Amino acid sequence: MSADPVASLLAANAAFYEGFESLDLDGMDALWDHGDAVWCVHPGADLIVGWGPVRRSWAAIFANTAYLQFIVTDVHARAVGDGGLVTCTENILSGAAGTDIGGGKAVATNAFLRRGSAWRMVAHHASPVLRRLTEG
């Protein structure tokens, strides 16, 4: 792990999106903690708790997705001790087999715990951005 915990946390977050974008279930296995306390909220979906159900959710997404691209912006990270949080905006292009490519945006919070020399994801919560709030 890098001597700079924020840099290594950002690298773990980037690895999450690389694995997600490439529909790599093995990559998710390597990045996520495998405990009963991990959780995930996909945009517009219910809370999923425990590595088994979380892993199955990724497998279902990957099996039903032909194309996925993330442009991750507005990234903010904080590492405190063995914990780290990353917030970001997910600008997404995706499509299922035989469909047109569509786009969307979600704001995500990704939580990590340091396990030995590596950051392991323990939570992912992505909320869809449905509209832009206007001032005044």
N, C-alpha and C. Protein backbone atom coordinates (compact mmCIF):
# COMPACT_ATOMS: atom_id res chain seq x y z
N MET A 1 0.85 -1.17 0.00
CA MET A 1 0.00 0.00 0.00
C MET A 1 0.89 1.23 0.00
N SER A 2 0.43 2.24 -0.66
CA SER A 2 1.14 3.50 -0.73
C SER A 2 1.31 4.09 0.67
N ALA A 3 2.39 4.84 0.86
CA ALA A 3 2.60 5.53 2.12
C ALA A 3 1.52 6.58 2.35
N ASP A 4 0.91 7.07 1.29
CA ASP A 4 -0.17 8.05 1.37
C ASP A 4 -1.50 7.29 1.38
N PRO A 5 -2.19 7.25 2.53
CA PRO A 5 -3.42 6.46 2.59
C PRO A 5 -4.52 6.96 1.66
N VAL A 6 -4.59 8.27 1.42
CA VAL A 6 -5.61 8.78 0.51
C VAL A 6 -5.32 8.35 -0.92
N ALA A 7 -4.06 8.36 -1.31
CA ALA A 7 -3.69 7.92 -2.67
C ALA A 7 -4.05 6.45 -2.86
N SER A 8 -3.76 5.61 -1.88
CA SER A 8 -4.08 4.19 -2.02
C SER A 8 -5.59 3.96 -1.95
N LEU A 9 -6.31 4.77 -1.18
CA LEU A 9 -7.76 4.70 -1.13
C LEU A 9 -8.35 5.06 -2.49
N LEU A 10 -7.85 6.13 -3.09
CA LEU A 10 -8.31 6.52 -4.42
C LEU A 10 -8.00 5.44 -5.46
N ALA A 11 -6.86 4.77 -5.31
CA ALA A 11 -6.53 3.68 -6.23
C ALA A 11 -7.51 2.52 -6.06
N ALA A 12 -7.91 2.21 -4.83
CA ALA A 12 -8.90 1.15 -4.60
C ALA A 12 -10.24 1.54 -5.20
N ASN A 13 -10.63 2.80 -5.05
CA ASN A 13 -11.88 3.28 -5.62
C ASN A 13 -11.84 3.19 -7.16
N ALA A 14 -10.71 3.57 -7.74
CA ALA A 14 -10.56 3.46 -9.20
C ALA A 14 -10.64 2.00 -9.64
N ALA A 15 -10.06 1.09 -8.86
CA ALA A 15 -10.12 -0.34 -9.18
C ALA A 15 -11.57 -0.84 -9.15
N PHE A 16 -12.37 -0.30 -8.23
CA PHE A 16 -13.79 -0.67 -8.17
C PHE A 16 -14.48 -0.29 -9.48
N TYR A 17 -14.28 0.92 -9.95
CA TYR A 17 -14.94 1.35 -11.19
C TYR A 17 -14.36 0.65 -12.42
N GLU A 18 -13.09 0.32 -12.40
CA GLU A 18 -12.51 -0.45 -13.51
C GLU A 18 -13.13 -1.84 -13.58
N GLY A 19 -13.27 -2.49 -12.41
CA GLY A 19 -13.90 -3.81 -12.37
C GLY A 19 -15.37 -3.75 -12.75
N PHE A 20 -16.05 -2.73 -12.28
CA PHE A 20 -17.46 -2.53 -12.59
C PHE A 20 -17.63 -2.32 -14.09
N GLU A 21 -16.85 -1.42 -14.65
CA GLU A 21 -16.94 -1.10 -16.07
C GLU A 21 -16.62 -2.30 -16.95
N SER A 22 -15.67 -3.13 -16.54
CA SER A 22 -15.30 -4.29 -17.36
C SER A 22 -16.12 -5.53 -17.01
N LEU A 23 -17.14 -5.36 -16.14
CA LEU A 23 -18.04 -6.45 -15.77
C LEU A 23 -17.27 -7.64 -15.23
N ASP A 24 -16.33 -7.36 -14.34
CA ASP A 24 -15.35 -8.33 -13.83
C ASP A 24 -15.73 -8.80 -12.43
N LEU A 25 -16.43 -9.93 -12.34
CA LEU A 25 -16.85 -10.46 -11.05
C LEU A 25 -15.65 -10.89 -10.21
N ASP A 26 -14.61 -11.42 -10.83
CA ASP A 26 -13.40 -11.77 -10.09
C ASP A 26 -12.75 -10.53 -9.47
N GLY A 27 -12.80 -9.41 -10.21
CA GLY A 27 -12.28 -8.16 -9.68
C GLY A 27 -13.07 -7.70 -8.47
N MET A 28 -14.39 -7.87 -8.50
CA MET A 28 -15.22 -7.53 -7.35
C MET A 28 -14.89 -8.43 -6.17
N ASP A 29 -14.70 -9.72 -6.44
CA ASP A 29 -14.31 -10.66 -5.38
C ASP A 29 -13.02 -10.21 -4.70
N ALA A 30 -12.07 -9.74 -5.50
CA ALA A 30 -10.77 -9.35 -4.95
C ALA A 30 -10.85 -8.03 -4.18
N LEU A 31 -11.75 -7.14 -4.56
CA LEU A 31 -11.82 -5.82 -3.94
C LEU A 31 -12.69 -5.77 -2.70
N TRP A 32 -13.80 -6.48 -2.70
CA TRP A 32 -14.75 -6.40 -1.60
C TRP A 32 -14.31 -7.24 -0.40
N ASP A 33 -14.64 -6.76 0.78
CA ASP A 33 -14.54 -7.57 1.99
C ASP A 33 -15.63 -8.63 1.88
N HIS A 34 -15.42 -9.79 2.45
CA HIS A 34 -16.37 -10.88 2.28
C HIS A 34 -17.19 -11.15 3.53
N GLY A 35 -17.36 -10.18 4.37
CA GLY A 35 -18.07 -10.37 5.64
C GLY A 35 -19.58 -10.21 5.52
N ASP A 36 -20.24 -10.54 6.62
CA ASP A 36 -21.70 -10.43 6.69
C ASP A 36 -22.16 -8.98 6.84
N ALA A 37 -21.25 -8.08 7.20
CA ALA A 37 -21.64 -6.69 7.45
C ALA A 37 -21.50 -5.79 6.23
N VAL A 38 -21.00 -6.29 5.10
CA VAL A 38 -20.91 -5.44 3.91
C VAL A 38 -22.31 -5.19 3.38
N TRP A 39 -22.46 -4.06 2.69
CA TRP A 39 -23.77 -3.75 2.14
C TRP A 39 -23.64 -2.93 0.87
N CYS A 40 -24.75 -2.93 0.12
CA CYS A 40 -24.77 -2.24 -1.16
C CYS A 40 -26.18 -1.75 -1.45
N VAL A 41 -26.26 -0.54 -2.00
CA VAL A 41 -27.53 -0.01 -2.50
C VAL A 41 -27.28 0.45 -3.93
N HIS A 42 -27.84 -0.29 -4.88
CA HIS A 42 -27.76 0.10 -6.28
C HIS A 42 -28.82 1.17 -6.53
N PRO A 43 -28.62 2.05 -7.52
CA PRO A 43 -29.59 3.12 -7.76
C PRO A 43 -31.03 2.61 -7.88
N GLY A 44 -31.90 3.16 -7.04
CA GLY A 44 -33.31 2.81 -7.09
C GLY A 44 -33.66 1.45 -6.51
N ALA A 45 -32.71 0.79 -5.86
CA ALA A 45 -32.94 -0.56 -5.35
C ALA A 45 -32.90 -0.58 -3.82
N ASP A 46 -33.30 -1.72 -3.27
CA ASP A 46 -33.28 -1.92 -1.83
C ASP A 46 -31.87 -2.21 -1.33
N LEU A 47 -31.71 -2.08 -0.03
CA LEU A 47 -30.47 -2.41 0.66
C LEU A 47 -30.19 -3.92 0.54
N ILE A 48 -28.95 -4.25 0.22
CA ILE A 48 -28.49 -5.64 0.16
C ILE A 48 -27.39 -5.79 1.21
N VAL A 49 -27.50 -6.79 2.08
CA VAL A 49 -26.56 -6.96 3.18
C VAL A 49 -25.92 -8.34 3.12
N GLY A 50 -24.60 -8.38 3.34
CA GLY A 50 -23.85 -9.64 3.37
C GLY A 50 -23.17 -9.90 2.03
N TRP A 51 -21.96 -10.44 2.10
CA TRP A 51 -21.20 -10.63 0.87
C TRP A 51 -21.91 -11.54 -0.13
N GLY A 52 -22.52 -12.62 0.29
CA GLY A 52 -23.20 -13.52 -0.66
C GLY A 52 -24.26 -12.80 -1.48
N PRO A 53 -25.22 -12.14 -0.83
CA PRO A 53 -26.22 -11.40 -1.61
C PRO A 53 -25.64 -10.24 -2.42
N VAL A 54 -24.65 -9.54 -1.87
CA VAL A 54 -24.02 -8.44 -2.62
C VAL A 54 -23.35 -8.99 -3.87
N ARG A 55 -22.61 -10.09 -3.72
CA ARG A 55 -21.95 -10.70 -4.87
C ARG A 55 -22.96 -11.13 -5.93
N ARG A 56 -24.07 -11.72 -5.49
CA ARG A 56 -25.10 -12.13 -6.45
C ARG A 56 -25.68 -10.93 -7.19
N SER A 57 -25.78 -9.78 -6.51
CA SER A 57 -26.29 -8.58 -7.18
C SER A 57 -25.35 -8.15 -8.30
N TRP A 58 -24.03 -8.22 -8.02
CA TRP A 58 -23.07 -7.88 -9.07
C TRP A 58 -23.15 -8.87 -10.23
N ALA A 59 -23.27 -10.15 -9.90
CA ALA A 59 -23.36 -11.17 -10.96
C ALA A 59 -24.58 -10.91 -11.84
N ALA A 60 -25.72 -10.54 -11.23
CA ALA A 60 -26.93 -10.28 -12.01
C ALA A 60 -26.76 -9.04 -12.90
N ILE A 61 -26.17 -7.99 -12.36
CA ILE A 61 -25.92 -6.79 -13.16
C ILE A 61 -25.02 -7.12 -14.34
N PHE A 62 -23.93 -7.83 -14.06
CA PHE A 62 -22.97 -8.14 -15.12
C PHE A 62 -23.58 -9.05 -16.19
N ALA A 63 -24.42 -10.00 -15.78
CA ALA A 63 -25.03 -10.93 -16.73
C ALA A 63 -26.03 -10.22 -17.65
N ASN A 64 -26.57 -9.10 -17.20
CA ASN A 64 -27.60 -8.40 -17.98
C ASN A 64 -27.11 -7.10 -18.59
N THR A 65 -25.81 -6.91 -18.65
CA THR A 65 -25.24 -5.69 -19.19
C THR A 65 -24.27 -6.03 -20.31
N ALA A 66 -24.48 -5.44 -21.47
CA ALA A 66 -23.58 -5.67 -22.60
C ALA A 66 -22.51 -4.59 -22.69
N TYR A 67 -22.85 -3.38 -22.23
CA TYR A 67 -21.91 -2.27 -22.33
C TYR A 67 -22.06 -1.40 -21.10
N LEU A 68 -20.92 -0.99 -20.54
CA LEU A 68 -20.93 -0.12 -19.38
C LEU A 68 -19.68 0.75 -19.38
N GLN A 69 -19.89 2.05 -19.25
CA GLN A 69 -18.77 2.98 -19.17
C GLN A 69 -19.05 4.00 -18.08
N PHE A 70 -18.04 4.24 -17.24
CA PHE A 70 -18.14 5.24 -16.18
C PHE A 70 -17.19 6.38 -16.47
N ILE A 71 -17.68 7.58 -16.29
CA ILE A 71 -16.84 8.78 -16.21
C ILE A 71 -17.08 9.30 -14.80
N VAL A 72 -16.09 9.07 -13.94
CA VAL A 72 -16.23 9.40 -12.52
C VAL A 72 -15.68 10.81 -12.28
N THR A 73 -16.52 11.66 -11.70
CA THR A 73 -16.14 13.05 -11.45
C THR A 73 -16.43 13.41 -9.99
N ASP A 74 -16.03 14.61 -9.62
CA ASP A 74 -16.31 15.15 -8.28
C ASP A 74 -15.87 14.19 -7.18
N VAL A 75 -14.68 13.64 -7.31
CA VAL A 75 -14.19 12.64 -6.36
C VAL A 75 -13.60 13.32 -5.13
N HIS A 76 -14.06 12.88 -3.97
CA HIS A 76 -13.54 13.37 -2.69
C HIS A 76 -13.26 12.17 -1.82
N ALA A 77 -12.10 12.14 -1.18
CA ALA A 77 -11.71 10.99 -0.37
C ALA A 77 -11.19 11.43 0.98
N ARG A 78 -11.44 10.59 1.98
CA ARG A 78 -10.92 10.83 3.31
C ARG A 78 -10.57 9.50 3.93
N ALA A 79 -9.37 9.40 4.45
CA ALA A 79 -8.91 8.20 5.17
C ALA A 79 -8.63 8.60 6.60
N VAL A 80 -9.19 7.83 7.54
CA VAL A 80 -8.95 8.05 8.96
C VAL A 80 -8.66 6.69 9.57
N GLY A 81 -7.44 6.50 10.03
CA GLY A 81 -7.06 5.20 10.57
C GLY A 81 -7.23 4.12 9.52
N ASP A 82 -7.98 3.08 9.87
CA ASP A 82 -8.21 1.97 8.95
C ASP A 82 -9.51 2.10 8.17
N GLY A 83 -10.11 3.29 8.16
CA GLY A 83 -11.34 3.50 7.43
C GLY A 83 -11.17 4.56 6.36
N GLY A 84 -11.92 4.43 5.30
CA GLY A 84 -11.87 5.42 4.23
C GLY A 84 -13.21 5.56 3.55
N LEU A 85 -13.53 6.79 3.17
CA LEU A 85 -14.74 7.08 2.42
C LEU A 85 -14.39 7.83 1.15
N VAL A 86 -15.08 7.48 0.08
CA VAL A 86 -14.93 8.19 -1.18
C VAL A 86 -16.33 8.53 -1.67
N THR A 87 -16.55 9.80 -1.99
CA THR A 87 -17.78 10.21 -2.65
C THR A 87 -17.43 10.65 -4.06
N CYS A 88 -18.37 10.43 -4.97
CA CYS A 88 -18.12 10.79 -6.36
C CYS A 88 -19.42 10.82 -7.13
N THR A 89 -19.33 11.35 -8.34
CA THR A 89 -20.46 11.32 -9.27
C THR A 89 -20.13 10.30 -10.35
N GLU A 90 -21.06 9.39 -10.56
CA GLU A 90 -20.92 8.37 -11.60
C GLU A 90 -21.71 8.84 -12.82
N ASN A 91 -21.02 9.19 -13.89
CA ASN A 91 -21.65 9.53 -15.16
C ASN A 91 -21.59 8.26 -16.00
N ILE A 92 -22.74 7.68 -16.32
CA ILE A 92 -22.81 6.31 -16.79
C ILE A 92 -23.41 6.23 -18.19
N LEU A 93 -22.77 5.43 -19.03
CA LEU A 93 -23.34 5.00 -20.30
C LEU A 93 -23.48 3.48 -20.21
N SER A 94 -24.66 2.95 -20.54
CA SER A 94 -24.83 1.51 -20.42
C SER A 94 -25.89 1.02 -21.39
N GLY A 95 -25.89 -0.30 -21.57
CA GLY A 95 -26.90 -0.92 -22.41
C GLY A 95 -26.91 -2.42 -22.23
N ALA A 96 -28.09 -3.00 -22.31
CA ALA A 96 -28.23 -4.45 -22.30
C ALA A 96 -28.11 -4.94 -23.73
N ALA A 97 -27.87 -6.23 -23.89
CA ALA A 97 -27.74 -6.81 -25.23
C ALA A 97 -28.97 -6.48 -26.07
N GLY A 98 -28.77 -6.00 -27.27
CA GLY A 98 -29.86 -5.72 -28.20
C GLY A 98 -30.60 -4.42 -27.93
N THR A 99 -30.08 -3.58 -27.05
CA THR A 99 -30.73 -2.30 -26.76
C THR A 99 -29.82 -1.15 -27.11
N ASP A 100 -30.39 0.03 -27.17
CA ASP A 100 -29.59 1.23 -27.39
C ASP A 100 -28.82 1.56 -26.12
N ILE A 101 -27.75 2.33 -26.29
CA ILE A 101 -26.97 2.81 -25.15
C ILE A 101 -27.70 3.99 -24.53
N GLY A 102 -27.82 3.97 -23.22
CA GLY A 102 -28.47 5.07 -22.50
C GLY A 102 -27.50 5.65 -21.49
N GLY A 103 -27.85 6.80 -20.98
CA GLY A 103 -26.98 7.46 -20.01
C GLY A 103 -27.72 7.78 -18.74
N GLY A 104 -26.96 8.00 -17.71
CA GLY A 104 -27.53 8.38 -16.43
C GLY A 104 -26.44 8.91 -15.52
N LYS A 105 -26.87 9.36 -14.37
CA LYS A 105 -25.94 9.91 -13.40
C LYS A 105 -26.36 9.46 -12.02
N ALA A 106 -25.38 9.10 -11.19
CA ALA A 106 -25.64 8.75 -9.80
C ALA A 106 -24.56 9.38 -8.94
N VAL A 107 -24.92 9.68 -7.72
CA VAL A 107 -23.95 10.13 -6.73
C VAL A 107 -23.69 8.93 -5.82
N ALA A 108 -22.42 8.62 -5.61
CA ALA A 108 -22.07 7.41 -4.85
C ALA A 108 -21.21 7.72 -3.64
N THR A 109 -21.39 6.91 -2.63
CA THR A 109 -20.50 6.87 -1.47
C THR A 109 -19.96 5.45 -1.37
N ASN A 110 -18.66 5.33 -1.35
CA ASN A 110 -17.98 4.04 -1.25
C ASN A 110 -17.16 4.01 0.04
N ALA A 111 -17.40 3.00 0.86
CA ALA A 111 -16.70 2.87 2.14
C ALA A 111 -15.73 1.70 2.08
N PHE A 112 -14.55 1.92 2.64
CA PHE A 112 -13.49 0.92 2.63
C PHE A 112 -12.93 0.75 4.04
N LEU A 113 -12.44 -0.45 4.32
CA LEU A 113 -11.66 -0.72 5.52
C LEU A 113 -10.31 -1.26 5.08
N ARG A 114 -9.27 -0.86 5.80
CA ARG A 114 -7.94 -1.37 5.50
C ARG A 114 -7.81 -2.76 6.13
N ARG A 115 -7.49 -3.73 5.32
CA ARG A 115 -7.28 -5.12 5.75
C ARG A 115 -5.84 -5.46 5.40
N GLY A 116 -4.97 -5.47 6.39
CA GLY A 116 -3.55 -5.69 6.10
C GLY A 116 -3.03 -4.52 5.30
N SER A 117 -2.54 -4.80 4.11
CA SER A 117 -1.95 -3.74 3.28
C SER A 117 -2.89 -3.25 2.18
N ALA A 118 -4.15 -3.69 2.19
CA ALA A 118 -5.06 -3.33 1.10
C ALA A 118 -6.37 -2.76 1.64
N TRP A 119 -6.97 -1.88 0.86
CA TRP A 119 -8.31 -1.39 1.16
C TRP A 119 -9.32 -2.38 0.61
N ARG A 120 -10.32 -2.73 1.40
CA ARG A 120 -11.41 -3.60 0.97
C ARG A 120 -12.72 -2.83 1.07
N MET A 121 -13.51 -2.91 0.02
CA MET A 121 -14.79 -2.22 0.03
C MET A 121 -15.74 -2.92 0.99
N VAL A 122 -16.44 -2.11 1.78
CA VAL A 122 -17.43 -2.66 2.71
C VAL A 122 -18.82 -2.10 2.44
N ALA A 123 -18.92 -1.04 1.65
CA ALA A 123 -20.24 -0.49 1.33
C ALA A 123 -20.16 0.34 0.05
N HIS A 124 -21.22 0.24 -0.72
CA HIS A 124 -21.39 1.05 -1.93
C HIS A 124 -22.84 1.50 -1.94
N HIS A 125 -23.07 2.80 -2.03
CA HIS A 125 -24.43 3.34 -2.10
C HIS A 125 -24.46 4.36 -3.23
N ALA A 126 -25.24 4.06 -4.24
CA ALA A 126 -25.38 4.97 -5.38
C ALA A 126 -26.83 5.41 -5.49
N SER A 127 -27.02 6.72 -5.54
CA SER A 127 -28.36 7.29 -5.66
C SER A 127 -28.47 8.00 -7.00
N PRO A 128 -29.55 7.71 -7.76
CA PRO A 128 -29.69 8.36 -9.05
C PRO A 128 -29.91 9.86 -8.90
N VAL A 129 -29.35 10.61 -9.84
CA VAL A 129 -29.59 12.05 -9.91
C VAL A 129 -30.70 12.21 -10.94
N LEU A 130 -31.87 12.63 -10.44
CA LEU A 130 -33.03 12.72 -11.32
C LEU A 130 -33.22 14.09 -11.92
N ARG A 131 -32.77 15.13 -11.21
CA ARG A 131 -32.91 16.48 -11.73
C ARG A 131 -31.89 17.36 -11.03
N ARG A 132 -31.61 18.46 -11.64
CA ARG A 132 -30.70 19.44 -11.05
C ARG A 132 -31.53 20.47 -10.28
N LEU A 133 -31.14 20.69 -9.02
CA LEU A 133 -31.80 21.73 -8.24
C LEU A 133 -31.36 23.09 -8.75
N THR A 134 -32.28 24.02 -8.81
CA THR A 134 -31.94 25.37 -9.26
C THR A 134 -32.01 26.31 -8.09
N GLU A 135 -31.21 27.35 -8.19
CA GLU A 135 -31.19 28.36 -7.14
C GLU A 135 -32.37 29.29 -7.29
N GLY A 136 -32.79 29.86 -6.15
CA GLY A 136 -33.70 30.96 -6.13
C GLY A 136 -35.10 30.66 -6.30
